[in-house]
Protein backbone atom coordinates (compact mmCIF):
# COMPACT_ATOMS: atom_id res chain seq x y z
CA MET A 1 -59.16 55.39 91.02
CA ALA A 2 -58.56 52.77 93.72
CA PHE A 3 -61.44 50.68 92.32
CA GLN A 4 -59.92 50.83 88.83
CA SER A 5 -56.57 49.73 90.26
CA LEU A 6 -58.23 46.73 91.92
CA LEU A 7 -59.89 45.79 88.64
CA LEU A 8 -56.53 45.86 86.85
CA GLN A 9 -54.97 43.66 89.53
CA GLU A 10 -57.60 40.99 88.93
CA GLN A 11 -56.95 40.94 85.20
CA ILE A 12 -54.27 38.78 83.59
CA PHE A 13 -51.62 40.43 81.45
CA ALA A 14 -50.89 38.25 78.41
CA ILE A 15 -47.54 38.51 76.61
CA ASP A 16 -46.79 36.64 73.39
CA ILE A 17 -43.09 36.94 72.49
CA GLY A 18 -42.43 36.57 68.78
CA ALA A 19 -39.28 36.72 66.74
CA THR A 20 -40.54 39.88 65.02
CA ASN A 21 -43.01 41.45 67.47
CA ILE A 22 -44.10 41.07 71.07
CA LYS A 23 -47.87 41.24 71.61
CA PHE A 24 -49.65 42.32 74.81
CA SER A 25 -53.21 42.37 76.08
CA HIS A 26 -55.32 42.18 79.23
CA VAL A 27 -57.67 39.21 79.58
CA ASN A 28 -60.06 38.06 82.26
CA GLU A 29 -59.98 34.67 83.97
CA GLN A 30 -62.09 33.16 81.18
CA GLY A 31 -59.57 34.33 78.57
CA HIS A 32 -61.75 37.04 77.04
CA LEU A 33 -59.82 40.02 75.76
CA LEU A 34 -60.48 43.19 77.72
CA ARG A 35 -58.33 45.43 75.53
CA ALA A 36 -57.12 45.41 71.96
CA VAL A 37 -53.90 43.49 71.32
CA ARG A 38 -50.91 45.83 71.18
CA ARG A 39 -47.50 45.04 69.73
CA ARG A 40 -43.95 46.29 69.90
CA PRO A 41 -40.92 45.21 67.84
CA THR A 42 -38.83 42.52 69.53
CA PRO A 43 -35.62 44.22 70.76
CA TYR A 44 -32.42 42.99 69.12
CA PRO A 45 -29.87 41.87 69.99
CA CYS A 46 -32.22 40.13 72.39
CA THR A 47 -30.12 39.11 75.38
CA PRO A 48 -31.88 37.63 78.42
CA GLY A 49 -31.25 40.79 80.43
CA ARG A 50 -32.56 43.08 77.71
CA LEU A 51 -35.74 41.05 77.27
CA VAL A 52 -36.41 40.91 81.02
CA GLU A 53 -35.98 44.70 81.30
CA PHE A 54 -38.21 45.28 78.24
CA LEU A 55 -40.99 43.07 79.63
CA GLU A 56 -40.71 44.31 83.21
CA GLU A 57 -41.46 47.86 82.11
CA ARG A 58 -44.65 46.76 80.39
CA ILE A 59 -45.70 44.48 83.24
CA ALA A 60 -45.34 47.38 85.68
CA LYS A 61 -47.53 49.60 83.50
CA SER A 62 -50.15 46.85 83.11
CA GLY A 63 -51.23 46.99 86.75
CA ALA A 64 -51.98 43.24 86.68
CA ARG A 65 -50.69 40.93 89.39
CA ARG A 66 -50.72 37.82 87.17
CA VAL A 67 -48.79 37.56 83.90
CA GLY A 68 -48.82 34.77 81.30
CA VAL A 69 -45.94 34.67 78.83
CA GLY A 70 -45.37 32.65 75.65
CA PHE A 71 -41.69 32.14 74.75
CA PRO A 72 -40.66 31.50 71.10
CA GLY A 73 -38.36 28.54 71.69
CA GLU A 74 -38.11 25.32 73.65
CA PHE A 75 -39.01 26.03 77.27
CA ARG A 76 -39.39 23.67 80.21
CA ASP A 77 -39.82 23.99 83.99
CA GLY A 78 -39.18 27.72 84.02
CA HIS A 79 -35.99 27.52 81.94
CA VAL A 80 -35.04 28.15 78.32
CA ILE A 81 -33.84 24.96 76.64
CA ARG A 82 -33.29 26.47 73.19
CA PRO A 83 -33.97 30.12 72.33
CA GLY A 84 -34.93 29.68 68.68
CA ASN A 85 -34.65 32.89 66.68
CA LEU A 86 -33.79 35.00 69.73
CA SER A 87 -30.21 33.75 69.34
CA ARG A 88 -29.95 35.71 66.07
CA PRO A 89 -28.48 39.14 66.98
CA GLY A 90 -30.28 41.06 64.25
CA GLY A 91 -33.49 39.04 63.99
CA VAL A 92 -34.50 36.22 61.69
CA THR A 93 -32.48 37.45 58.70
CA THR A 94 -29.18 37.04 60.58
CA GLU A 95 -27.19 33.97 61.54
CA ILE A 96 -27.26 32.39 65.01
CA ASP A 97 -24.65 33.87 67.34
CA SER A 98 -23.10 31.13 69.48
CA ALA A 99 -22.34 33.44 72.40
CA LEU A 100 -25.88 34.82 72.48
CA ASP A 101 -27.29 31.30 72.15
CA ALA A 102 -25.19 30.20 75.14
CA GLN A 103 -26.53 33.08 77.26
CA TRP A 104 -30.06 31.87 76.70
CA ARG A 105 -29.62 28.13 77.25
CA GLY A 106 -30.65 27.23 80.77
CA PHE A 107 -31.72 30.79 81.60
CA ALA A 108 -34.38 30.86 84.35
CA LEU A 109 -36.66 33.30 82.56
CA GLN A 110 -39.72 32.69 84.70
CA ASP A 111 -37.89 33.38 87.97
CA ALA A 112 -36.12 36.40 86.46
CA LEU A 113 -39.44 37.96 85.43
CA CYS A 114 -41.04 37.20 88.80
CA GLN A 115 -38.15 38.84 90.66
CA ALA A 116 -37.90 41.86 88.36
CA SER A 117 -41.65 42.59 88.29
CA ARG A 118 -42.69 41.30 91.72
CA ARG A 119 -45.68 39.74 90.03
CA GLU A 120 -46.84 36.14 89.60
CA VAL A 121 -45.43 35.26 86.17
CA ARG A 122 -45.87 31.94 84.37
CA VAL A 123 -43.94 31.21 81.18
CA VAL A 124 -44.50 28.45 78.62
CA ASN A 125 -43.55 27.83 75.02
CA ASP A 126 -45.51 30.15 72.71
CA ALA A 127 -47.14 27.27 70.81
CA THR A 128 -48.23 25.79 74.14
CA MET A 129 -49.88 29.07 75.16
CA ALA A 130 -51.64 29.29 71.78
CA ALA A 131 -52.81 25.69 72.19
CA LEU A 132 -54.33 26.50 75.56
CA GLY A 133 -56.31 29.21 73.83
CA CYS A 134 -57.86 27.03 71.14
CA ILE A 135 -58.01 23.31 72.09
CA GLU A 136 -61.48 21.88 72.59
CA GLY A 137 -60.65 19.13 75.07
CA TYR A 138 -61.36 15.86 73.30
CA GLY A 139 -59.43 13.50 71.06
CA VAL A 140 -55.99 14.19 69.61
CA GLU A 141 -55.64 17.87 68.72
CA LEU A 142 -52.66 19.28 66.83
CA VAL A 143 -51.93 23.00 67.06
CA LEU A 144 -49.68 24.74 64.53
CA THR A 145 -48.79 28.39 65.14
CA LEU A 146 -47.98 30.36 62.02
CA GLY A 147 -45.86 33.45 62.35
CA THR A 148 -42.21 34.30 61.80
CA GLY A 149 -41.63 30.55 62.07
CA LEU A 150 -43.64 27.43 62.89
CA GLY A 151 -44.63 26.24 66.35
CA LEU A 152 -46.26 22.94 67.26
CA ALA A 153 -48.26 21.73 70.26
CA LEU A 154 -50.24 18.55 70.89
CA ALA A 155 -53.14 17.81 73.24
CA VAL A 156 -54.86 14.50 74.01
CA ASN A 157 -58.30 14.81 75.59
CA GLY A 158 -57.43 18.32 76.70
CA GLN A 159 -54.05 17.43 78.22
CA LEU A 160 -50.99 18.97 76.61
CA GLN A 161 -48.24 16.53 75.69
CA LYS A 162 -44.48 17.05 75.59
CA VAL A 163 -43.37 17.53 71.99
CA ARG A 164 -40.20 18.74 70.36
CA ASP A 165 -39.59 22.21 68.95
CA VAL A 166 -39.91 21.55 65.20
CA GLY A 167 -39.08 24.95 63.69
CA ALA A 168 -35.40 24.24 63.06
CA GLU A 169 -35.97 20.70 61.74
CA VAL A 170 -35.45 20.13 58.02
CA PHE A 171 -38.76 19.67 56.21
CA ARG A 172 -38.00 19.50 52.49
CA ASP A 173 -35.25 20.39 50.01
CA GLY A 174 -32.84 21.27 52.79
CA LYS A 175 -35.18 23.92 54.22
CA THR A 176 -36.43 23.91 57.79
CA TYR A 177 -40.07 24.20 58.80
CA ASP A 178 -39.42 27.82 59.79
CA GLN A 179 -38.01 28.53 56.32
CA SER A 180 -40.73 26.58 54.50
CA VAL A 181 -43.85 28.00 56.18
CA GLY A 182 -42.56 31.01 58.10
CA GLU A 183 -43.33 34.61 57.27
CA ARG A 184 -40.55 35.05 54.71
CA ALA A 185 -41.87 32.12 52.66
CA ARG A 186 -45.41 33.48 52.84
CA ALA A 187 -44.33 36.96 51.78
CA ALA A 188 -42.41 35.55 48.80
CA ASP A 189 -45.26 33.41 47.41
CA GLU A 190 -48.48 33.10 49.38
CA ALA A 191 -50.06 30.51 47.06
CA HIS A 192 -47.01 28.25 47.34
CA TRP A 193 -46.95 28.86 51.10
CA ASN A 194 -50.54 27.65 51.44
CA ALA A 195 -49.83 24.50 49.42
CA THR A 196 -46.69 23.79 51.44
CA LEU A 197 -48.58 24.30 54.69
CA ALA A 198 -51.12 21.68 53.61
CA ASP A 199 -48.25 19.21 53.12
CA VAL A 200 -46.85 20.11 56.55
CA VAL A 201 -50.24 19.48 58.13
CA VAL A 202 -50.55 16.08 56.46
CA GLY A 203 -47.11 15.07 57.74
CA PHE A 204 -47.77 16.00 61.35
CA VAL A 205 -51.28 14.56 61.37
CA THR A 206 -49.84 11.27 60.16
CA GLU A 207 -47.09 11.37 62.80
CA PHE A 208 -49.36 12.18 65.73
CA SER A 209 -52.63 10.54 64.55
CA ALA A 210 -54.50 13.79 65.10
CA ALA A 211 -58.23 14.14 64.41
CA THR A 212 -58.34 17.94 64.67
CA VAL A 213 -55.83 20.54 63.53
CA HIS A 214 -55.90 24.09 64.87
CA LEU A 215 -54.08 26.75 62.86
CA ALA A 216 -53.23 29.77 65.01
CA GLY A 217 -50.81 32.69 65.08
CA GLY A 218 -50.57 35.88 63.08
CA ASN A 219 -50.55 34.18 59.67
CA ALA A 220 -53.54 31.91 60.34
CA ARG A 221 -55.69 34.64 58.79
CA ARG A 222 -53.82 34.13 55.52
CA VAL A 223 -54.68 30.44 55.23
CA VAL A 224 -56.81 29.48 52.23
CA ALA A 225 -59.29 27.01 53.72
CA ALA A 226 -59.91 25.37 50.32
CA GLU A 227 -56.36 23.97 50.41
CA PHE A 228 -57.53 21.60 53.16
CA ASP A 229 -60.93 20.57 51.80
CA HIS A 230 -59.61 17.21 50.60
CA LEU A 231 -58.22 16.20 53.99
CA PRO A 232 -60.22 13.71 56.10
CA TYR A 233 -59.94 15.59 59.41
CA ARG A 234 -61.09 18.85 60.92
CA ILE A 235 -59.14 22.02 60.26
CA VAL A 236 -59.97 24.89 62.61
CA ILE A 237 -58.57 28.31 61.73
CA ASN A 238 -58.12 30.38 64.88
CA GLY A 239 -57.47 34.07 65.15
CA ASN A 240 -54.35 35.76 66.43
CA GLU A 241 -55.98 36.03 69.86
CA ALA A 242 -55.43 32.36 70.80
CA PRO A 243 -52.20 33.00 72.77
CA MET A 244 -53.88 35.84 74.67
CA ARG A 245 -56.76 33.54 75.66
CA GLY A 246 -54.28 30.80 76.55
CA ALA A 247 -52.49 33.04 79.05
CA ALA A 248 -55.55 32.92 81.31
CA ARG A 249 -55.51 29.12 81.37
CA LEU A 250 -52.02 29.16 82.87
CA PHE A 251 -53.71 30.25 86.08
CA VAL A 252 -56.56 27.73 86.12
CA ALA A 253 -56.29 25.59 89.26
């Protein structure tokens, strides 16, 4: 029993916070999954205190002493800059609540989780964590995470670059990127969603001069590869495990 406890301590507990679900898994230091990915519905209204309590319970049960977390909004230096869809009190189908949004802005989530769990916790933007799980380390690599909304990360020769949170930006016809290629758009018309995604990829590749595009996140499995055959750059479709693998790289010296 003591040996099993020591093994758990050496593992890394990966948490990928989404606007619809929160995913969990144990990975080793190389990022290989040691258990199947589990998920729980994201608790709404999702105040900072409620999320910290929700995650702390699962971190305690994990037995791991290191925890990597992906946050679904703009996140920098341990603090929430913008909370994205977590500022919607009833989830993505509801409007942003200004009071809830204000609670999140500037919140020191990383420190709060460290103090509540008494574990070593590192938090980054969710697209950043997914990028760590799929970039190859050379050239300009663009990572798009496809889920409830759209996330974006950029790496140059394996080094992640600072980029804006694009989900709430207007893409076309008055609709944001989240609205255009998020889950609701996919569920309404998957063929149109695939075609729109190809246009989104072209736009960001042009902006960032990327040579490789990684598609990750829960909806990457729904991508029709043929939609990208005409494009003169590599498209790599990653599985939903990329953020889990990326959590391990948060602890690479």
